[in-house]
Amino acid sequence: MIDAINERDPAHRRSLIEQAFTPDCLYIDPDDEAETHDGLDELFARIQRQAPPELRFSLPDPVDAHHQQARFT
């Protein structure tokens, strides 16, 4: 997921999304919500347009995953 958020090439980003998420995925954070591959692709593209080009997201802590859900900070 982090690789997909950081990827600026649209075709490669879409490929990463399709590898990491099921087609019926749901992403929720305090500011946004996205459903399906199309929704994630649009969300990640919008995040990149709003952020400085040098910004790179990372996961400082392990992902907490259970019951087909994942949570991270």
PDB file of N, CA and C in Angstrom:
ATOM      1  N   MET A   1       0.814  -1.181   0.000  1.00  0.00           N
ATOM      2  CA  MET A   1       0.000   0.000   0.000  1.00  0.00           C
ATOM      3  C   MET A   1       0.863   1.252   0.000  1.00  0.00           C
ATOM      4  N   ILE A   2       1.871   1.291   0.851  1.00  0.00           N
ATOM      5  CA  ILE A   2       2.718   2.481   0.928  1.00  0.00           C
ATOM      6  C   ILE A   2       3.424   2.713  -0.405  1.00  0.00           C
ATOM      7  N   ASP A   3       3.852   1.633  -1.046  1.00  0.00           N
ATOM      8  CA  ASP A   3       4.471   1.789  -2.366  1.00  0.00           C
ATOM      9  C   ASP A   3       3.486   2.416  -3.352  1.00  0.00           C
ATOM     10  N   ALA A   4       2.225   2.017  -3.282  1.00  0.00           N
ATOM     11  CA  ALA A   4       1.217   2.570  -4.191  1.00  0.00           C
ATOM     12  C   ALA A   4       0.971   4.049  -3.906  1.00  0.00           C
ATOM     13  N   ILE A   5       0.894   4.429  -2.640  1.00  0.00           N
ATOM     14  CA  ILE A   5       0.683   5.840  -2.303  1.00  0.00           C
ATOM     15  C   ILE A   5       1.857   6.684  -2.797  1.00  0.00           C
ATOM     16  N   ASN A   6       3.062   6.151  -2.697  1.00  0.00           N
ATOM     17  CA  ASN A   6       4.256   6.900  -3.089  1.00  0.00           C
ATOM     18  C   ASN A   6       4.506   6.905  -4.596  1.00  0.00           C
ATOM     19  N   GLU A   7       3.881   6.005  -5.334  1.00  0.00           N
ATOM     20  CA  GLU A   7       4.153   5.873  -6.770  1.00  0.00           C
ATOM     21  C   GLU A   7       3.492   6.999  -7.567  1.00  0.00           C
ATOM     22  N   ARG A   8       4.284   7.722  -8.338  1.00  0.00           N
ATOM     23  CA  ARG A   8       3.761   8.860  -9.106  1.00  0.00           C
ATOM     24  C   ARG A   8       3.415   8.499 -10.553  1.00  0.00           C
ATOM     25  N   ASP A   9       3.888   7.374 -11.033  1.00  0.00           N
ATOM     26  CA  ASP A   9       3.511   6.931 -12.374  1.00  0.00           C
ATOM     27  C   ASP A   9       2.127   6.277 -12.291  1.00  0.00           C
ATOM     28  N   PRO A  10       1.117   6.836 -12.976  1.00  0.00           N
ATOM     29  CA  PRO A  10      -0.249   6.325 -12.828  1.00  0.00           C
ATOM     30  C   PRO A  10      -0.415   4.840 -13.160  1.00  0.00           C
ATOM     31  N   ALA A  11       0.215   4.366 -14.220  1.00  0.00           N
ATOM     32  CA  ALA A  11       0.068   2.958 -14.605  1.00  0.00           C
ATOM     33  C   ALA A  11       0.711   2.040 -13.568  1.00  0.00           C
ATOM     34  N   HIS A  12       1.884   2.414 -13.091  1.00  0.00           N
ATOM     35  CA  HIS A  12       2.555   1.590 -12.084  1.00  0.00           C
ATOM     36  C   HIS A  12       1.798   1.641 -10.762  1.00  0.00           C
ATOM     37  N   ARG A  13       1.284   2.817 -10.390  1.00  0.00           N
ATOM     38  CA  ARG A  13       0.492   2.937  -9.164  1.00  0.00           C
ATOM     39  C   ARG A  13      -0.714   2.006  -9.231  1.00  0.00           C
ATOM     40  N   ARG A  14      -1.395   2.002 -10.366  1.00  0.00           N
ATOM     41  CA  ARG A  14      -2.578   1.145 -10.521  1.00  0.00           C
ATOM     42  C   ARG A  14      -2.203  -0.325 -10.392  1.00  0.00           C
ATOM     43  N   SER A  15      -1.094  -0.711 -10.966  1.00  0.00           N
ATOM     44  CA  SER A  15      -0.629  -2.093 -10.846  1.00  0.00           C
ATOM     45  C   SER A  15      -0.363  -2.459  -9.388  1.00  0.00           C
ATOM     46  N   LEU A  16       0.267  -1.564  -8.646  1.00  0.00           N
ATOM     47  CA  LEU A  16       0.539  -1.815  -7.226  1.00  0.00           C
ATOM     48  C   LEU A  16      -0.758  -1.923  -6.422  1.00  0.00           C
ATOM     49  N   ILE A  17      -1.731  -1.085  -6.736  1.00  0.00           N
ATOM     50  CA  ILE A  17      -3.029  -1.153  -6.060  1.00  0.00           C
ATOM     51  C   ILE A  17      -3.677  -2.509  -6.321  1.00  0.00           C
ATOM     52  N   GLU A  18      -3.662  -2.948  -7.563  1.00  0.00           N
ATOM     53  CA  GLU A  18      -4.285  -4.224  -7.913  1.00  0.00           C
ATOM     54  C   GLU A  18      -3.578  -5.406  -7.260  1.00  0.00           C
ATOM     55  N   GLN A  19      -2.285  -5.286  -7.010  1.00  0.00           N
ATOM     56  CA  GLN A  19      -1.544  -6.352  -6.332  1.00  0.00           C
ATOM     57  C   GLN A  19      -1.831  -6.388  -4.835  1.00  0.00           C
ATOM     58  N   ALA A  20      -2.073  -5.230  -4.235  1.00  0.00           N
ATOM     59  CA  ALA A  20      -2.185  -5.140  -2.777  1.00  0.00           C
ATOM     60  C   ALA A  20      -3.620  -5.207  -2.256  1.00  0.00           C
ATOM     61  N   PHE A  21      -4.606  -4.909  -3.088  1.00  0.00           N
ATOM     62  CA  PHE A  21      -5.990  -4.796  -2.624  1.00  0.00           C
ATOM     63  C   PHE A  21      -6.926  -5.676  -3.439  1.00  0.00           C
ATOM     64  N   THR A  22      -7.971  -6.174  -2.790  1.00  0.00           N
ATOM     65  CA  THR A  22      -9.028  -6.870  -3.513  1.00  0.00           C
ATOM     66  C   THR A  22      -9.872  -5.834  -4.257  1.00  0.00           C
ATOM     67  N   PRO A  23     -10.575  -6.253  -5.316  1.00  0.00           N
ATOM     68  CA  PRO A  23     -11.377  -5.290  -6.080  1.00  0.00           C
ATOM     69  C   PRO A  23     -12.452  -4.578  -5.250  1.00  0.00           C
ATOM     70  N   ASP A  24     -12.939  -5.228  -4.203  1.00  0.00           N
ATOM     71  CA  ASP A  24     -13.999  -4.629  -3.377  1.00  0.00           C
ATOM     72  C   ASP A  24     -13.451  -3.991  -2.102  1.00  0.00           C
ATOM     73  N   CYS A  25     -12.204  -3.544  -2.137  1.00  0.00           N
ATOM     74  CA  CYS A  25     -11.540  -2.999  -0.945  1.00  0.00           C
ATOM     75  C   CYS A  25     -12.229  -1.737  -0.434  1.00  0.00           C
ATOM     76  N   LEU A  26     -11.984  -1.456   0.834  1.00  0.00           N
ATOM     77  CA  LEU A  26     -12.481  -0.241   1.479  1.00  0.00           C
ATOM     78  C   LEU A  26     -11.342   0.335   2.299  1.00  0.00           C
ATOM     79  N   TYR A  27     -11.024   1.601   2.075  1.00  0.00           N
ATOM     80  CA  TYR A  27      -9.978   2.304   2.815  1.00  0.00           C
ATOM     81  C   TYR A  27     -10.638   3.458   3.553  1.00  0.00           C
ATOM     82  N   ILE A  28     -10.366   3.562   4.858  1.00  0.00           N
ATOM     83  CA  ILE A  28     -10.927   4.638   5.669  1.00  0.00           C
ATOM     84  C   ILE A  28      -9.827   5.217   6.544  1.00  0.00           C
ATOM     85  N   ASP A  29      -9.717   6.539   6.548  1.00  0.00           N
ATOM     86  CA  ASP A  29      -8.866   7.227   7.522  1.00  0.00           C
ATOM     87  C   ASP A  29      -9.665   8.427   8.040  1.00  0.00           C
ATOM     88  N   PRO A  30      -9.140   9.187   8.973  1.00  0.00           N
ATOM     89  CA  PRO A  30      -9.932  10.286   9.536  1.00  0.00           C
ATOM     90  C   PRO A  30     -10.381  11.340   8.523  1.00  0.00           C
ATOM     91  N   ASP A  31      -9.682  11.453   7.396  1.00  0.00           N
ATOM     92  CA  ASP A  31      -9.997  12.497   6.419  1.00  0.00           C
ATOM     93  C   ASP A  31     -10.646  12.001   5.137  1.00  0.00           C
ATOM     94  N   ASP A  32     -10.472  10.733   4.799  1.00  0.00           N
ATOM     95  CA  ASP A  32     -10.915  10.225   3.502  1.00  0.00           C
ATOM     96  C   ASP A  32     -11.462   8.816   3.605  1.00  0.00           C
ATOM     97  N   GLU A  33     -12.196   8.453   2.570  1.00  0.00           N
ATOM     98  CA  GLU A  33     -12.690   7.091   2.412  1.00  0.00           C
ATOM     99  C   GLU A  33     -12.654   6.770   0.927  1.00  0.00           C
ATOM    100  N   ALA A  34     -12.250   5.555   0.588  1.00  0.00           N
ATOM    101  CA  ALA A  34     -12.210   5.144  -0.808  1.00  0.00           C
ATOM    102  C   ALA A  34     -12.641   3.690  -0.915  1.00  0.00           C
ATOM    103  N   GLU A  35     -13.405   3.391  -1.961  1.00  0.00           N
ATOM    104  CA  GLU A  35     -13.835   2.027  -2.238  1.00  0.00           C
ATOM    105  C   GLU A  35     -13.359   1.635  -3.628  1.00  0.00           C
ATOM    106  N   THR A  36     -13.000   0.404  -3.798  1.00  0.00           N
ATOM    107  CA  THR A  36     -12.571  -0.209  -5.057  1.00  0.00           C
ATOM    108  C   THR A  36     -11.204   0.318  -5.507  1.00  0.00           C
ATOM    109  N   HIS A  37     -10.665  -0.354  -6.502  1.00  0.00           N
ATOM    110  CA  HIS A  37      -9.370   0.063  -7.054  1.00  0.00           C
ATOM    111  C   HIS A  37      -9.445   1.480  -7.619  1.00  0.00           C
ATOM    112  N   ASP A  38     -10.542   1.799  -8.301  1.00  0.00           N
ATOM    113  CA  ASP A  38     -10.682   3.146  -8.870  1.00  0.00           C
ATOM    114  C   ASP A  38     -10.671   4.211  -7.782  1.00  0.00           C
ATOM    115  N   GLY A  39     -11.386   3.959  -6.702  1.00  0.00           N
ATOM    116  CA  GLY A  39     -11.435   4.924  -5.610  1.00  0.00           C
ATOM    117  C   GLY A  39     -10.082   5.142  -4.968  1.00  0.00           C
ATOM    118  N   LEU A  40      -9.345   4.043  -4.750  1.00  0.00           N
ATOM    119  CA  LEU A  40      -8.002   4.173  -4.176  1.00  0.00           C
ATOM    120  C   LEU A  40      -7.078   4.935  -5.113  1.00  0.00           C
ATOM    121  N   ASP A  41      -7.147   4.614  -6.393  1.00  0.00           N
ATOM    122  CA  ASP A  41      -6.297   5.287  -7.372  1.00  0.00           C
ATOM    123  C   ASP A  41      -6.571   6.791  -7.369  1.00  0.00           C
ATOM    124  N   GLU A  42      -7.828   7.171  -7.354  1.00  0.00           N
ATOM    125  CA  GLU A  42      -8.187   8.591  -7.311  1.00  0.00           C
ATOM    126  C   GLU A  42      -7.706   9.248  -6.020  1.00  0.00           C
ATOM    127  N   LEU A  43      -7.878   8.567  -4.889  1.00  0.00           N
ATOM    128  CA  LEU A  43      -7.434   9.112  -3.604  1.00  0.00           C
ATOM    129  C   LEU A  43      -5.926   9.310  -3.589  1.00  0.00           C
ATOM    130  N   PHE A  44      -5.169   8.292  -3.999  1.00  0.00           N
ATOM    131  CA  PHE A  44      -3.710   8.388  -3.968  1.00  0.00           C
ATOM    132  C   PHE A  44      -3.218   9.472  -4.924  1.00  0.00           C
ATOM    133  N   ALA A  45      -3.847   9.609  -6.088  1.00  0.00           N
ATOM    134  CA  ALA A  45      -3.463  10.669  -7.031  1.00  0.00           C
ATOM    135  C   ALA A  45      -3.739  12.044  -6.424  1.00  0.00           C
ATOM    136  N   ARG A  46      -4.867  12.200  -5.747  1.00  0.00           N
ATOM    137  CA  ARG A  46      -5.192  13.486  -5.116  1.00  0.00           C
ATOM    138  C   ARG A  46      -4.201  13.814  -4.004  1.00  0.00           C
ATOM    139  N   ILE A  47      -3.848  12.817  -3.199  1.00  0.00           N
ATOM    140  CA  ILE A  47      -2.860  13.032  -2.139  1.00  0.00           C
ATOM    141  C   ILE A  47      -1.553  13.529  -2.747  1.00  0.00           C
ATOM    142  N   GLN A  48      -1.129  12.918  -3.840  1.00  0.00           N
ATOM    143  CA  GLN A  48       0.129  13.317  -4.479  1.00  0.00           C
ATOM    144  C   GLN A  48       0.052  14.727  -5.059  1.00  0.00           C
ATOM    145  N   ARG A  49      -1.083  15.096  -5.618  1.00  0.00           N
ATOM    146  CA  ARG A  49      -1.224  16.457  -6.166  1.00  0.00           C
ATOM    147  C   ARG A  49      -1.130  17.509  -5.062  1.00  0.00           C
ATOM    148  N   GLN A  50      -1.603  17.181  -3.876  1.00  0.00           N
ATOM    149  CA  GLN A  50      -1.631  18.136  -2.772  1.00  0.00           C
ATOM    150  C   GLN A  50      -0.322  18.178  -1.985  1.00  0.00           C
ATOM    151  N   ALA A  51       0.480  17.134  -2.076  1.00  0.00           N
ATOM    152  CA  ALA A  51       1.710  17.029  -1.282  1.00  0.00           C
ATOM    153  C   ALA A  51       2.916  17.493  -2.100  1.00  0.00           C
ATOM    154  N   PRO A  52       3.957  17.966  -1.423  1.00  0.00           N
ATOM    155  CA  PRO A  52       5.192  18.299  -2.143  1.00  0.00           C
ATOM    156  C   PRO A  52       5.770  17.043  -2.798  1.00  0.00           C
ATOM    157  N   PRO A  53       6.390  17.178  -3.970  1.00  0.00           N
ATOM    158  CA  PRO A  53       6.878  16.001  -4.701  1.00  0.00           C
ATOM    159  C   PRO A  53       7.908  15.175  -3.942  1.00  0.00           C
ATOM    160  N   GLU A  54       8.611  15.783  -3.010  1.00  0.00           N
ATOM    161  CA  GLU A  54       9.635  15.032  -2.269  1.00  0.00           C
ATOM    162  C   GLU A  54       9.051  14.233  -1.095  1.00  0.00           C
ATOM    163  N   LEU A  55       7.771  14.412  -0.801  1.00  0.00           N
ATOM    164  CA  LEU A  55       7.157  13.692   0.317  1.00  0.00           C
ATOM    165  C   LEU A  55       7.072  12.204   0.016  1.00  0.00           C
ATOM    166  N   ARG A  56       7.505  11.389   0.964  1.00  0.00           N
ATOM    167  CA  ARG A  56       7.415   9.929   0.859  1.00  0.00           C
ATOM    168  C   ARG A  56       6.764   9.415   2.133  1.00  0.00           C
ATOM    169  N   PHE A  57       5.710   8.627   1.983  1.00  0.00           N
ATOM    170  CA  PHE A  57       5.052   8.019   3.129  1.00  0.00           C
ATOM    171  C   PHE A  57       5.826   6.786   3.567  1.00  0.00           C
ATOM    172  N   SER A  58       5.764   6.484   4.861  1.00  0.00           N
ATOM    173  CA  SER A  58       6.414   5.284   5.401  1.00  0.00           C
ATOM    174  C   SER A  58       5.585   4.777   6.572  1.00  0.00           C
ATOM    175  N   LEU A  59       5.872   3.553   6.980  1.00  0.00           N
ATOM    176  CA  LEU A  59       5.202   2.953   8.136  1.00  0.00           C
ATOM    177  C   LEU A  59       6.208   2.837   9.272  1.00  0.00           C
ATOM    178  N   PRO A  60       6.129   3.694  10.278  1.00  0.00           N
ATOM    179  CA  PRO A  60       7.084   3.624  11.384  1.00  0.00           C
ATOM    180  C   PRO A  60       6.811   2.470  12.347  1.00  0.00           C
ATOM    181  N   ASP A  61       5.577   1.968  12.353  1.00  0.00           N
ATOM    182  CA  ASP A  61       5.194   0.893  13.264  1.00  0.00           C
ATOM    183  C   ASP A  61       4.638  -0.279  12.468  1.00  0.00           C
ATOM    184  N   PRO A  62       4.638  -1.478  13.068  1.00  0.00           N
ATOM    185  CA  PRO A  62       4.076  -2.641  12.370  1.00  0.00           C
ATOM    186  C   PRO A  62       2.573  -2.466  12.103  1.00  0.00           C
ATOM    187  N   VAL A  63       2.109  -3.133  11.072  1.00  0.00           N
ATOM    188  CA  VAL A  63       0.683  -3.134  10.739  1.00  0.00           C
ATOM    189  C   VAL A  63      -0.023  -4.117  11.657  1.00  0.00           C
ATOM    190  N   ASP A  64      -1.150  -3.705  12.212  1.00  0.00           N
ATOM    191  CA  ASP A  64      -1.986  -4.555  13.057  1.00  0.00           C
ATOM    192  C   ASP A  64      -3.081  -5.122  12.157  1.00  0.00           C
ATOM    193  N   ALA A  65      -3.047  -6.414  11.883  1.00  0.00           N
ATOM    194  CA  ALA A  65      -4.008  -7.016  10.962  1.00  0.00           C
ATOM    195  C   ALA A  65      -4.701  -8.211  11.601  1.00  0.00           C
ATOM    196  N   HIS A  66      -6.009  -8.271  11.432  1.00  0.00           N
ATOM    197  CA  HIS A  66      -6.811  -9.423  11.854  1.00  0.00           C
ATOM    198  C   HIS A  66      -8.197  -9.311  11.236  1.00  0.00           C
ATOM    199  N   HIS A  67      -8.886 -10.430  11.100  1.00  0.00           N
ATOM    200  CA  HIS A  67     -10.245 -10.485  10.563  1.00  0.00           C
ATOM    201  C   HIS A  67     -10.377  -9.742   9.225  1.00  0.00           C
ATOM    202  N   GLN A  68      -9.422  -9.946   8.351  1.00  0.00           N
ATOM    203  CA  GLN A  68      -9.403  -9.353   7.016  1.00  0.00           C
ATOM    204  C   GLN A  68      -9.405  -7.826   7.039  1.00  0.00           C
ATOM    205  N   GLN A  69      -8.850  -7.243   8.106  1.00  0.00           N
ATOM    206  CA  GLN A  69      -8.704  -5.797   8.203  1.00  0.00           C
ATOM    207  C   GLN A  69      -7.289  -5.479   8.658  1.00  0.00           C
ATOM    208  N   ALA A  70      -6.820  -4.294   8.322  1.00  0.00           N
ATOM    209  CA  ALA A  70      -5.490  -3.851   8.740  1.00  0.00           C
ATOM    210  C   ALA A  70      -5.588  -2.437   9.291  1.00  0.00           C
ATOM    211  N   ARG A  71      -4.768  -2.182  10.307  1.00  0.00           N
ATOM    212  CA  ARG A  71      -4.730  -0.850  10.921  1.00  0.00           C
ATOM    213  C   ARG A  71      -3.266  -0.460  11.075  1.00  0.00           C
ATOM    214  N   PHE A  72      -2.967   0.792  10.777  1.00  0.00           N
ATOM    215  CA  PHE A  72      -1.587   1.265  10.890  1.00  0.00           C
ATOM    216  C   PHE A  72      -1.588   2.736  11.247  1.00  0.00           C
ATOM    217  N   THR A  73      -0.432   3.208  11.727  1.00  0.00           N
ATOM    218  CA  THR A  73      -0.288   4.618  12.069  1.00  0.00           C
ATOM    219  C   THR A  73       0.848   5.222  11.282  1.00  0.00           C
TER     220      THR A  73
END
